[in-house]
């Protein structure tokens, strides 16, 4: 179990300690459940009322909440950011692999950096380059001429196809597939003709890819994920998509082919993005929205119908189907009265 003193915690968080710096802590807990030896943090104002009764060894708070604390406190600019940094320091998640397993199959010409670990039954094909400190989990497949940067980690059963390039300090969760064929087919009188996908995938540095997420290789050019992007589980990124710096996508987002997404864009869970469109920087798309055309101005965009009682929904649907007729009749009335 990893422990830190409150003095160390304050240093990591860049905060000001109010209390005993020698007290040790080993983890976080919710405000109302925390006890001695644990930290808590206040990032949501609705939990402000719980501060006086919190039993944590210390609480991360803003200056404005300090007077409500009955325990030790660490004053920070943003408690949630501080929580993230301290949680990293206390993280005890095991590595995907700790050495090179005897059952790993590694081609003779693979270039291994220093301190590389490869798990059981992993397959590393010819021409692969693994950077210093790269970790390949059990059962992974890394195809011919792929490159994986320094300190990048692949959890179990990740498939990285041929010629894919992954940068430094990336984290790829289990069963992700990077570089599979994009959905390219031509139709000749009802018969499908497959179009070879000869591009690849380029992933930048400090990218996290969630479990079971798939990123297709490009048809001609590469699919690109820039630095500092975080992708949740079960996301589909189609061929030739370009995802800009600092973007984040929640679970089950689908991005169709040849779409260009700018920097610092955020997509809520289940959002769907049409193909061959452009989205500018600093766009937020809320969950379950459908983006069907270019977004040319930064801001927050939403669509979709929120859940409602079935009885009300059944009444609404027939009315929706009558909108076109109602519009026609309205325009006729306006024209008549003009």
Protein backbone atom coordinates (compact mmCIF):
# COMPACT_ATOMS: atom_id res chain seq x y z
CA UNK A 1 0.00 0.00 0.00
CA UNK A 2 1.34 3.39 -1.01
CA UNK A 3 1.31 6.14 1.64
CA UNK A 4 2.12 9.84 1.57
CA UNK A 5 2.45 12.45 4.30
CA UNK A 6 0.18 15.45 4.12
CA UNK A 7 3.27 17.56 3.48
CA UNK A 8 4.00 15.42 0.41
CA UNK A 9 0.37 15.60 -0.67
CA UNK A 10 0.42 19.39 -0.46
CA UNK A 11 3.61 19.51 -2.51
CA UNK A 12 2.18 17.26 -5.24
CA UNK A 13 -1.03 19.29 -5.36
CA UNK A 14 0.76 22.63 -5.30
CA UNK A 15 -1.42 23.60 -2.33
CA UNK A 16 -1.15 25.17 1.08
CA UNK A 17 -1.35 22.79 4.04
CA UNK A 18 -3.38 23.74 7.12
CA UNK A 19 -2.60 21.09 9.71
CA UNK A 20 -0.09 18.39 10.63
CA UNK A 21 2.21 17.59 7.71
CA UNK A 22 3.43 14.32 9.27
CA UNK A 23 0.06 12.57 9.08
CA UNK A 24 0.03 9.81 6.46
CA UNK A 25 -2.71 8.90 4.00
CA UNK A 26 -3.11 6.00 1.58
CA UNK A 27 -6.06 6.86 -0.61
CA UNK A 28 -9.27 8.79 -1.27
CA UNK A 29 -12.86 8.28 -0.18
CA UNK A 30 -16.14 10.11 -0.67
CA UNK A 31 -16.68 13.04 1.66
CA UNK A 32 -19.36 11.30 3.76
CA UNK A 33 -17.49 7.96 3.93
CA UNK A 34 -13.90 9.06 4.46
CA UNK A 35 -12.08 8.12 7.66
CA UNK A 36 -8.66 8.50 9.23
CA UNK A 37 -5.87 7.69 6.79
CA UNK A 38 -7.88 8.85 3.79
CA UNK A 39 -8.24 12.04 1.79
CA UNK A 40 -11.40 13.69 0.51
CA UNK A 41 -11.96 16.57 -1.87
CA UNK A 42 -14.70 19.12 -2.48
CA UNK A 43 -15.27 19.90 -6.16
CA UNK A 44 -19.08 19.95 -6.21
CA UNK A 45 -20.66 22.77 -4.14
CA UNK A 46 -23.68 20.62 -3.24
CA UNK A 47 -21.43 18.62 -0.87
CA UNK A 48 -20.25 21.75 0.93
CA UNK A 49 -22.61 21.03 3.83
CA UNK A 50 -20.73 17.77 4.53
CA UNK A 51 -17.40 19.49 5.18
CA UNK A 52 -17.81 20.12 8.94
CA UNK A 53 -18.55 16.44 9.61
CA UNK A 54 -15.95 14.94 7.28
CA UNK A 55 -13.69 12.43 9.09
CA UNK A 56 -10.91 12.34 6.48
CA UNK A 57 -7.34 13.01 7.57
CA UNK A 58 -7.39 15.97 5.20
CA UNK A 59 -9.70 17.57 2.67
CA UNK A 60 -8.73 19.30 -0.57
CA UNK A 61 -10.68 22.56 -0.76
CA UNK A 62 -10.65 26.01 -2.26
CA UNK A 63 -9.80 28.99 -0.05
CA UNK A 64 -13.49 29.89 0.24
CA UNK A 65 -14.31 26.56 1.95
CA UNK A 66 -11.40 26.48 4.39
CA UNK A 67 -13.38 27.93 7.31
CA UNK A 68 -15.85 25.03 7.13
CA UNK A 69 -13.20 22.33 7.59
CA UNK A 70 -13.01 20.62 10.98
CA UNK A 71 -10.00 18.49 9.96
CA UNK A 72 -6.70 19.18 8.26
CA UNK A 73 -7.10 20.92 4.94
CA UNK A 74 -5.06 21.55 1.83
CA UNK A 75 -6.07 24.68 -0.05
CA UNK A 76 -5.75 24.35 -3.82
CA UNK A 77 -6.95 26.27 -6.86
CA UNK A 78 -8.92 23.31 -8.23
CA UNK A 79 -9.65 20.37 -5.89
CA UNK A 80 -10.53 18.01 -8.74
CA UNK A 81 -7.23 18.63 -10.55
CA UNK A 82 -5.39 18.21 -7.26
CA UNK A 83 -7.25 14.94 -6.66
CA UNK A 84 -6.15 13.63 -10.06
CA UNK A 85 -2.48 14.42 -9.42
CA UNK A 86 -2.45 12.92 -5.95
CA UNK A 87 -4.37 9.83 -7.08
CA UNK A 88 -1.64 9.22 -9.66
CA UNK A 89 0.99 9.34 -6.92
CA UNK A 90 -1.00 6.85 -4.81
CA UNK A 91 -1.90 4.57 -7.72
CA UNK A 92 -1.13 0.89 -7.11
CA UNK A 93 -2.47 -0.49 -10.43
CA UNK A 94 -0.16 -3.34 -11.50
CA UNK A 95 1.71 -3.16 -14.79
CA UNK A 96 0.35 -5.09 -17.79
CA UNK A 97 3.62 -7.07 -17.79
CA UNK A 98 6.79 -6.97 -15.73
CA UNK A 99 9.31 -8.87 -17.88
CA UNK A 100 9.54 -10.72 -21.18
CA UNK A 101 7.48 -13.89 -20.84
CA UNK A 102 8.95 -17.13 -22.23
CA UNK A 103 5.73 -17.76 -24.16
CA UNK A 104 5.89 -14.42 -26.02
CA UNK A 105 6.60 -14.82 -29.75
CA UNK A 106 9.02 -12.11 -30.87
CA UNK A 107 10.46 -11.87 -34.39
CA UNK A 108 14.23 -11.89 -34.68
CA UNK A 109 14.48 -8.35 -36.07
CA UNK A 110 12.27 -6.63 -33.51
CA UNK A 111 13.97 -3.59 -31.97
CA UNK A 112 13.51 -3.57 -28.21
CA UNK A 113 14.32 -0.48 -26.17
CA UNK A 114 15.60 -0.71 -22.62
CA UNK A 115 13.32 -2.04 -19.87
CA UNK A 116 10.69 -3.37 -22.27
CA UNK A 117 8.18 -5.88 -20.86
CA UNK A 118 6.12 -8.31 -22.96
CA UNK A 119 3.41 -10.50 -21.44
CA UNK A 120 2.52 -14.14 -21.95
CA UNK A 121 1.46 -15.27 -25.43
CA UNK A 122 1.97 -11.85 -26.99
CA UNK A 123 3.00 -11.83 -30.66
CA UNK A 124 5.43 -9.20 -31.92
CA UNK A 125 5.95 -9.42 -35.67
CA UNK A 126 8.88 -8.54 -37.91
CA UNK A 127 10.05 -4.95 -38.12
CA UNK A 128 8.37 -3.77 -34.92
CA UNK A 129 10.08 -1.09 -32.82
CA UNK A 130 9.28 -0.87 -29.10
CA UNK A 131 10.56 2.22 -27.29
CA UNK A 132 12.23 2.34 -23.89
CA UNK A 133 9.94 1.21 -21.10
CA UNK A 134 7.15 0.05 -23.41
CA UNK A 135 4.88 -2.59 -21.87
CA UNK A 136 2.95 -5.08 -23.99
CA UNK A 137 0.31 -7.03 -22.06
CA UNK A 138 -0.56 -10.70 -22.29
CA UNK A 139 -2.08 -11.88 -25.55
CA UNK A 140 -1.39 -8.68 -27.49
CA UNK A 141 -0.66 -8.67 -31.23
CA UNK A 142 1.69 -6.08 -32.72
CA UNK A 143 1.82 -6.34 -36.52
CA UNK A 144 4.66 -5.90 -38.95
CA UNK A 145 6.60 -2.64 -38.87
CA UNK A 146 4.45 -1.12 -36.14
CA UNK A 147 6.06 1.36 -33.76
CA UNK A 148 5.17 1.83 -30.11
CA UNK A 149 6.81 4.71 -28.26
CA UNK A 150 8.59 4.96 -24.95
CA UNK A 151 6.64 4.19 -21.78
CA UNK A 152 3.47 3.31 -23.66
CA UNK A 153 1.37 0.54 -22.15
CA UNK A 154 -0.91 -1.97 -23.84
CA UNK A 155 -3.22 -4.01 -21.65
CA UNK A 156 -4.18 -7.57 -22.54
CA UNK A 157 -5.34 -8.63 -26.00
CA UNK A 158 -4.79 -5.30 -27.72
CA UNK A 159 -4.33 -5.67 -31.49
CA UNK A 160 -2.04 -3.20 -33.24
CA UNK A 161 -2.02 -3.81 -36.99
CA UNK A 162 0.89 -3.41 -39.39
CA UNK A 163 2.58 -0.02 -39.89
CA UNK A 164 0.67 1.66 -37.04
CA UNK A 165 2.63 4.30 -35.13
CA UNK A 166 1.87 4.95 -31.46
CA UNK A 167 3.66 7.73 -29.59
CA UNK A 168 5.16 8.00 -26.12
CA UNK A 169 3.34 7.65 -22.78
CA UNK A 170 0.17 6.21 -24.28
CA UNK A 171 -2.22 3.91 -22.43
CA UNK A 172 -4.32 1.45 -24.42
CA UNK A 173 -6.86 -0.59 -22.52
CA UNK A 174 -7.75 -4.24 -23.09
CA UNK A 175 -9.16 -5.48 -26.41
CA UNK A 176 -8.70 -2.22 -28.26
CA UNK A 177 -8.02 -2.62 -32.00
CA UNK A 178 -5.78 -0.10 -33.73
CA UNK A 179 -5.39 -0.15 -37.50
CA UNK A 180 -8.10 -2.56 -38.62
CA UNK A 181 -9.56 -2.01 -42.08
CA UNK A 182 -11.78 0.94 -42.65
CA UNK A 183 -15.23 0.30 -44.13
CA UNK A 184 -14.39 0.73 -47.79
CA UNK A 185 -16.40 -1.08 -50.46
CA UNK A 186 -17.64 -0.38 -53.96
CA UNK A 187 -20.88 -1.83 -55.26
CA UNK A 188 -21.04 -3.28 -58.77
CA UNK A 189 -24.59 -4.33 -59.63
CA UNK A 190 -25.27 -5.60 -56.12
CA UNK A 191 -21.85 -7.21 -55.56
CA UNK A 192 -19.50 -5.69 -53.01
CA UNK A 193 -15.89 -5.11 -54.04
CA UNK A 194 -13.53 -4.51 -51.14
CA UNK A 195 -11.25 -1.48 -51.36
CA UNK A 196 -7.86 -2.22 -49.77
CA UNK A 197 -7.09 0.12 -46.89
CA UNK A 198 -3.47 1.05 -47.52
CA UNK A 199 -3.17 3.99 -45.12
CA UNK A 200 -2.33 3.50 -41.47
CA UNK A 201 -2.98 5.02 -38.04
CA UNK A 202 -0.79 7.62 -36.35
CA UNK A 203 -1.35 8.15 -32.64
CA UNK A 204 0.42 10.96 -30.81
CA UNK A 205 1.88 11.17 -27.33
CA UNK A 206 -0.06 10.90 -24.05
CA UNK A 207 -3.10 9.37 -25.69
CA UNK A 208 -5.44 7.06 -23.76
CA UNK A 209 -7.62 4.60 -25.67
CA UNK A 210 -10.38 2.75 -23.83
CA UNK A 211 -11.26 -0.92 -23.79
CA UNK A 212 -12.80 -2.35 -26.96
CA UNK A 213 -12.34 0.91 -28.85
CA UNK A 214 -11.52 0.55 -32.56
CA UNK A 215 -9.56 2.96 -34.72
CA UNK A 216 -9.59 2.12 -38.43
CA UNK A 217 -6.63 2.60 -40.72
CA UNK A 218 -6.95 5.09 -43.56
CA UNK A 219 -7.96 4.20 -47.08
CA UNK A 220 -5.10 6.15 -48.67
CA UNK A 221 -3.92 8.65 -46.04
CA UNK A 222 -3.55 7.90 -42.34
CA UNK A 223 -6.11 8.14 -39.58
CA UNK A 224 -4.62 10.59 -37.05
CA UNK A 225 -5.11 10.97 -33.29
CA UNK A 226 -3.09 13.95 -32.06
CA UNK A 227 -1.38 14.33 -28.67
CA UNK A 228 -3.24 14.50 -25.34
CA UNK A 229 -6.44 12.84 -26.57
CA UNK A 230 -8.55 10.64 -24.28
CA UNK A 231 -10.96 8.10 -25.74
CA UNK A 232 -13.35 6.11 -23.56
CA UNK A 233 -14.47 2.51 -24.06
CA UNK A 234 -16.25 1.13 -27.14
CA UNK A 235 -15.63 4.10 -29.41
CA UNK A 236 -15.48 3.74 -33.19
CA UNK A 237 -13.12 6.01 -35.13
CA UNK A 238 -13.49 5.37 -38.86
CA UNK A 239 -10.91 5.63 -41.63
CA UNK A 240 -9.15 8.92 -42.37
CA UNK A 241 -10.58 10.68 -39.33
CA UNK A 242 -8.38 13.38 -37.78
CA UNK A 243 -8.85 14.05 -34.05
CA UNK A 244 -7.17 17.22 -32.83
CA UNK A 245 -5.04 17.95 -29.77
CA UNK A 246 -6.69 17.65 -26.37
CA UNK A 247 -10.00 16.13 -27.47
CA UNK A 248 -12.05 13.84 -25.23
CA UNK A 249 -14.76 11.34 -26.16
CA UNK A 250 -17.00 9.45 -23.75
CA UNK A 251 -18.16 5.88 -24.32
CA UNK A 252 -19.84 4.66 -27.50
CA UNK A 253 -19.09 7.74 -29.61
CA UNK A 254 -19.05 6.99 -33.36
CA UNK A 255 -17.09 9.14 -35.80
CA UNK A 256 -17.63 8.35 -39.48
CA UNK A 257 -14.89 8.46 -42.10
CA UNK A 258 -12.85 11.46 -43.27
CA UNK A 259 -14.11 13.79 -40.55
CA UNK A 260 -11.71 16.43 -39.21
CA UNK A 261 -12.14 17.38 -35.55
CA UNK A 262 -10.34 20.42 -34.17
CA UNK A 263 -8.53 20.90 -30.86
CA UNK A 264 -10.07 20.66 -27.39
CA UNK A 265 -13.38 19.20 -28.53
CA UNK A 266 -15.49 17.13 -26.12
CA UNK A 267 -18.09 14.53 -27.11
CA UNK A 268 -20.62 13.10 -24.68
CA UNK A 269 -21.45 9.41 -24.59
CA UNK A 270 -23.27 7.95 -27.56
CA UNK A 271 -22.76 10.96 -29.82
CA UNK A 272 -22.63 10.23 -33.56
CA UNK A 273 -20.61 12.30 -36.03
CA UNK A 274 -21.30 12.13 -39.76
CA UNK A 275 -18.51 11.55 -42.28
CA UNK A 276 -16.67 14.07 -44.44
CA UNK A 277 -17.40 17.03 -42.17
CA UNK A 278 -15.26 19.51 -40.24
CA UNK A 279 -15.65 20.53 -36.60
CA UNK A 280 -13.73 23.58 -35.39
CA UNK A 281 -11.76 23.89 -32.14
CA UNK A 282 -13.42 24.03 -28.71
CA UNK A 283 -16.72 22.39 -29.57
CA UNK A 284 -18.68 20.40 -26.99
CA UNK A 285 -21.25 17.90 -28.26
CA UNK A 286 -23.55 16.62 -25.54
CA UNK A 287 -24.44 12.95 -25.14
CA UNK A 288 -26.58 11.17 -27.76
CA UNK A 289 -26.32 14.08 -30.18
CA UNK A 290 -26.10 13.60 -33.95
CA UNK A 291 -23.68 15.87 -35.80
CA UNK A 292 -24.78 15.79 -39.43
CA UNK A 293 -23.00 18.83 -40.90
CA UNK A 294 -19.97 21.05 -40.35
CA UNK A 295 -19.70 22.95 -37.07
CA UNK A 296 -18.02 26.26 -37.84
CA UNK A 297 -18.25 28.09 -34.50
CA UNK A 298 -17.03 26.95 -31.09
CA UNK A 299 -19.65 26.29 -28.42
CA UNK A 300 -21.96 23.63 -27.01
CA UNK A 301 -24.22 21.65 -29.37
CA UNK A 302 -27.05 19.23 -28.57
CA UNK A 303 -29.73 17.17 -30.27
CA UNK A 304 -31.82 14.12 -29.51
CA UNK A 305 -35.02 13.65 -27.53
CA UNK A 306 -34.78 13.19 -23.74
CA UNK A 307 -36.55 10.24 -22.20
CA UNK A 308 -40.19 10.77 -21.22
CA UNK A 309 -43.09 8.61 -20.02
CA UNK A 310 -44.10 6.14 -22.71
CA UNK A 311 -47.68 7.41 -22.74
CA UNK A 312 -46.50 10.92 -23.63
CA UNK A 313 -44.00 9.62 -26.17
CA UNK A 314 -46.70 7.62 -27.98
CA UNK A 315 -48.78 10.79 -28.34
CA UNK A 316 -45.83 12.84 -29.54
CA UNK A 317 -44.60 10.53 -32.32
CA UNK A 318 -47.71 10.81 -34.56
CA UNK A 319 -47.49 14.59 -34.25
CA UNK A 320 -43.87 14.56 -35.37
CA UNK A 321 -44.87 12.75 -38.55
CA UNK A 322 -47.41 15.49 -39.26
CA UNK A 323 -44.92 18.36 -39.01
CA UNK A 324 -44.38 18.59 -42.79
CA UNK A 325 -48.13 18.75 -43.44
CA UNK A 326 -48.59 21.29 -40.67
CA UNK A 327 -45.80 23.42 -42.14
CA UNK A 328 -47.39 23.27 -45.59
CA UNK A 329 -50.75 24.37 -44.20
CA UNK A 330 -49.17 27.16 -42.16
CA UNK A 331 -47.36 28.55 -45.20
CA UNK A 332 -50.62 28.39 -47.17
CA UNK A 333 -52.38 30.40 -44.46
CA UNK A 334 -49.58 32.97 -44.33
CA UNK A 335 -49.66 33.33 -48.11
CA UNK A 336 -53.45 33.75 -48.08
CA UNK A 337 -53.34 36.41 -45.34
CA UNK A 338 -50.44 38.35 -46.90
